[in-house]
N, C-alpha and C. Protein backbone atom coordinates (compact mmCIF):
# COMPACT_ATOMS: atom_id res chain seq x y z
N MET A 1 0.16 10.48 -8.32
CA MET A 1 0.79 11.21 -7.54
C MET A 1 1.72 10.40 -6.63
N TRP A 2 3.11 10.66 -6.63
CA TRP A 2 3.90 9.94 -5.52
C TRP A 2 3.86 10.56 -4.46
N HIS A 3 3.77 9.80 -3.14
CA HIS A 3 3.92 10.43 -1.82
C HIS A 3 5.08 9.74 -1.38
N ASN A 4 6.17 10.37 -1.24
CA ASN A 4 7.71 9.92 -0.45
C ASN A 4 7.86 10.02 0.82
N ASN A 5 8.55 8.92 1.27
CA ASN A 5 9.22 8.92 2.61
C ASN A 5 8.06 8.70 3.57
N LYS A 6 6.88 8.07 3.36
CA LYS A 6 5.94 8.11 4.09
C LYS A 6 5.78 6.72 5.04
N SER A 7 5.22 6.99 6.15
CA SER A 7 5.44 5.58 7.20
C SER A 7 3.80 4.81 6.94
N VAL A 8 4.13 3.50 7.15
CA VAL A 8 2.88 2.65 6.90
C VAL A 8 2.05 2.62 8.22
N VAL A 9 0.95 3.14 8.38
CA VAL A 9 0.06 3.16 9.71
C VAL A 9 -0.19 1.89 9.78
N ALA A 10 -1.21 1.51 8.86
CA ALA A 10 -2.12 -0.08 9.12
C ALA A 10 -1.98 -0.53 7.45
N VAL A 11 -2.26 -1.92 7.55
CA VAL A 11 -2.59 -2.66 6.40
C VAL A 11 -3.75 -3.55 6.79
N TYR A 12 -4.48 -3.85 5.72
CA TYR A 12 -5.74 -4.89 5.71
C TYR A 12 -5.78 -5.55 4.63
N ALA A 13 -6.07 -6.95 4.57
CA ALA A 13 -6.44 -7.87 3.33
C ALA A 13 -7.51 -8.51 3.76
N HIS A 14 -8.62 -9.07 2.78
CA HIS A 14 -9.31 -10.04 3.12
C HIS A 14 -8.96 -11.40 2.47
N VAL A 15 -8.94 -12.52 3.03
CA VAL A 15 -8.49 -13.99 2.72
C VAL A 15 -9.50 -14.16 1.49
N ASN A 16 -8.73 -14.56 0.61
CA ASN A 16 -9.27 -15.25 -0.93
C ASN A 16 -9.96 -14.15 -1.89
N THR A 17 -9.29 -12.96 -1.66
CA THR A 17 -9.82 -11.97 -2.45
C THR A 17 -8.60 -11.00 -2.82
N LYS A 18 -8.87 -9.98 -3.84
CA LYS A 18 -7.96 -9.14 -4.25
C LYS A 18 -8.14 -7.83 -3.70
N LEU A 19 -8.63 -8.27 -2.30
CA LEU A 19 -9.05 -6.75 -1.26
C LEU A 19 -7.91 -6.67 -0.53
N GLY A 20 -6.96 -5.56 -0.66
CA GLY A 20 -5.86 -5.11 0.17
C GLY A 20 -5.94 -3.80 0.25
N TYR A 21 -5.58 -3.29 1.71
CA TYR A 21 -5.95 -1.72 1.72
C TYR A 21 -4.59 -1.36 2.51
N ALA A 22 -4.36 -0.03 2.62
CA ALA A 22 -3.50 0.64 3.64
C ALA A 22 -3.58 2.04 3.87
N ILE A 23 -3.37 2.30 5.07
CA ILE A 23 -2.96 3.63 5.57
C ILE A 23 -1.84 4.13 5.32
N ILE A 24 -1.59 5.24 4.76
CA ILE A 24 -0.29 5.58 4.39
C ILE A 24 -0.40 7.17 5.18
N ASP A 25 0.66 7.44 6.37
CA ASP A 25 0.93 8.72 7.06
C ASP A 25 0.93 9.85 6.10
N GLY A 26 0.03 10.67 6.17
CA GLY A 26 0.05 12.06 5.77
C GLY A 26 -0.95 11.99 4.38
N VAL A 27 -1.75 10.79 4.31
CA VAL A 27 -2.54 10.51 3.01
C VAL A 27 -4.04 10.11 3.90
N SER A 28 -5.05 11.00 3.07
CA SER A 28 -6.14 10.60 3.54
C SER A 28 -6.93 9.24 3.63
N GLY A 29 -7.42 8.93 4.46
CA GLY A 29 -8.20 7.58 4.51
C GLY A 29 -7.42 5.93 4.08
N TRP A 30 -8.26 5.19 4.24
CA TRP A 30 -7.76 3.81 3.72
C TRP A 30 -7.50 3.80 2.19
N LYS A 31 -6.54 3.55 1.39
CA LYS A 31 -6.27 3.38 0.15
C LYS A 31 -6.29 1.84 -0.38
N ARG A 32 -7.00 1.53 -1.49
CA ARG A 32 -6.98 0.16 -1.85
C ARG A 32 -5.79 0.06 -2.74
N ILE A 33 -5.16 -1.32 -2.67
CA ILE A 33 -4.14 -1.80 -3.49
C ILE A 33 -4.81 -2.27 -5.11
N ASN A 34 -4.56 -1.44 -6.21
CA ASN A 34 -5.08 -1.87 -7.17
C ASN A 34 -5.09 -3.32 -7.72
N PRO A 35 -6.44 -3.73 -7.73
CA PRO A 35 -6.41 -5.20 -8.00
C PRO A 35 -6.01 -5.71 -9.45
N THR A 36 -5.04 -5.27 -10.06
CA THR A 36 -4.72 -5.65 -11.33
C THR A 36 -4.73 -7.43 -11.35
N SER A 37 -3.93 -7.81 -10.38
CA SER A 37 -3.73 -9.41 -10.32
C SER A 37 -3.71 -9.42 -8.77
N THR A 38 -3.73 -10.99 -8.60
CA THR A 38 -3.87 -11.43 -7.17
C THR A 38 -2.47 -11.55 -6.55
N ASP A 39 -1.46 -11.85 -7.48
CA ASP A 39 -0.15 -11.68 -6.92
C ASP A 39 0.43 -10.21 -6.92
N GLY A 40 -0.15 -9.29 -7.66
CA GLY A 40 0.41 -7.95 -7.56
C GLY A 40 -0.23 -7.36 -5.97
N VAL A 41 -1.36 -7.56 -5.76
CA VAL A 41 -1.87 -7.28 -4.66
C VAL A 41 -1.16 -7.88 -3.45
N THR A 42 -0.73 -9.18 -3.49
CA THR A 42 -0.06 -9.63 -2.48
C THR A 42 1.44 -9.09 -2.19
N ASN A 43 1.93 -8.94 -3.57
CA ASN A 43 3.24 -8.43 -3.15
C ASN A 43 3.37 -6.94 -2.62
N VAL A 44 2.51 -6.05 -3.03
CA VAL A 44 2.33 -4.97 -2.46
C VAL A 44 2.07 -4.81 -1.18
N LEU A 45 1.09 -5.66 -0.77
CA LEU A 45 0.55 -5.87 0.62
C LEU A 45 2.01 -6.24 1.57
N ASP A 46 2.41 -7.29 1.19
CA ASP A 46 3.74 -7.98 1.65
C ASP A 46 4.85 -6.76 2.12
N LEU A 47 5.11 -6.07 0.90
CA LEU A 47 5.91 -4.79 1.09
C LEU A 47 5.72 -3.59 2.13
N LEU A 48 4.24 -3.41 1.89
CA LEU A 48 3.86 -2.34 2.98
C LEU A 48 3.59 -2.97 4.53
N ALA A 49 3.33 -4.17 4.50
CA ALA A 49 3.30 -4.93 6.01
C ALA A 49 4.91 -5.04 6.44
N ALA A 50 5.81 -5.20 5.75
CA ALA A 50 7.04 -5.49 6.00
C ALA A 50 7.81 -4.14 6.24
N ALA A 51 7.36 -2.93 5.67
CA ALA A 51 7.68 -1.49 5.77
C ALA A 51 7.21 -1.28 7.30
N GLN A 52 6.03 -1.47 7.59
CA GLN A 52 5.36 -0.95 8.75
C GLN A 52 5.97 -1.85 9.94
N ALA A 53 6.03 -3.06 9.86
CA ALA A 53 6.79 -4.00 10.73
C ALA A 53 8.07 -3.63 11.32
N LYS A 54 8.98 -3.07 10.27
CA LYS A 54 10.09 -2.94 10.49
C LYS A 54 10.64 -1.26 10.64
N GLY A 55 9.47 -0.16 10.76
CA GLY A 55 9.48 0.92 10.81
C GLY A 55 10.41 1.43 9.56
N LYS A 56 10.19 1.24 8.72
CA LYS A 56 10.82 1.30 7.43
C LYS A 56 9.68 2.62 6.65
N THR A 57 10.09 3.62 5.72
CA THR A 57 9.29 4.50 4.96
C THR A 57 9.02 3.80 3.57
N VAL A 58 8.07 4.37 2.85
CA VAL A 58 8.01 4.01 1.49
C VAL A 58 7.55 5.14 0.73
N ASN A 59 7.67 4.89 -0.48
CA ASN A 59 7.27 5.99 -1.72
C ASN A 59 6.22 5.06 -2.03
N VAL A 60 4.83 5.72 -2.36
CA VAL A 60 3.74 5.36 -2.97
C VAL A 60 3.28 6.13 -3.90
N PHE A 61 2.69 5.54 -5.07
CA PHE A 61 2.06 6.07 -5.97
C PHE A 61 0.64 5.82 -6.09
N ILE A 62 0.07 6.84 -5.77
CA ILE A 62 -1.73 6.84 -5.74
C ILE A 62 -2.23 7.40 -7.23
N GLY A 63 -2.80 6.79 -8.01
CA GLY A 63 -3.27 7.17 -9.39
C GLY A 63 -4.55 8.00 -8.95
N SER A 64 -4.83 8.33 -10.17
CA SER A 64 -6.46 9.13 -9.98
C SER A 64 -7.45 8.41 -9.82
N ASP A 65 -7.58 6.87 -9.97
CA ASP A 65 -8.39 6.24 -9.37
C ASP A 65 -8.29 6.06 -7.72
N ASP A 66 -7.53 6.90 -6.88
CA ASP A 66 -7.24 6.73 -5.59
C ASP A 66 -7.11 5.28 -4.97
N GLN A 67 -6.42 4.90 -5.78
CA GLN A 67 -5.82 3.30 -5.46
C GLN A 67 -4.26 3.29 -5.61
N ILE A 68 -3.47 2.41 -4.80
CA ILE A 68 -2.24 2.52 -4.91
C ILE A 68 -1.56 1.39 -6.00
N SER A 69 -1.18 2.20 -6.67
CA SER A 69 -0.41 1.42 -8.03
C SER A 69 0.81 0.82 -8.06
N ALA A 70 1.83 1.34 -6.98
CA ALA A 70 3.11 0.98 -7.24
C ALA A 70 3.72 1.64 -5.81
N THR A 71 4.68 0.79 -5.26
CA THR A 71 5.21 1.41 -4.26
C THR A 71 6.69 0.64 -3.94
N TYR A 72 7.63 1.31 -3.07
CA TYR A 72 8.88 0.60 -3.00
C TYR A 72 9.34 1.37 -1.67
N MET A 73 10.10 0.66 -0.85
CA MET A 73 10.69 0.95 0.39
C MET A 73 11.87 1.57 0.00
N THR A 74 11.81 2.54 1.14
CA THR A 74 13.11 3.52 1.08
C THR A 74 14.06 3.11 2.20
């Protein structure tokens, strides 16, 4: 399900792993970034962190597994 025009409240990652999480405004709880690949987690985490730092909104797709599968800055 797409969640559109949302603010990023917080991001978290653990070094040397594919563990990346975000809190998206209006979406319940921490959402894990789908760990399909290391670069994929890093790229999504970077985009979410940049959106948070710059006060931009994002569109985020959260799949049935309750993980962030796609995102882009609006």
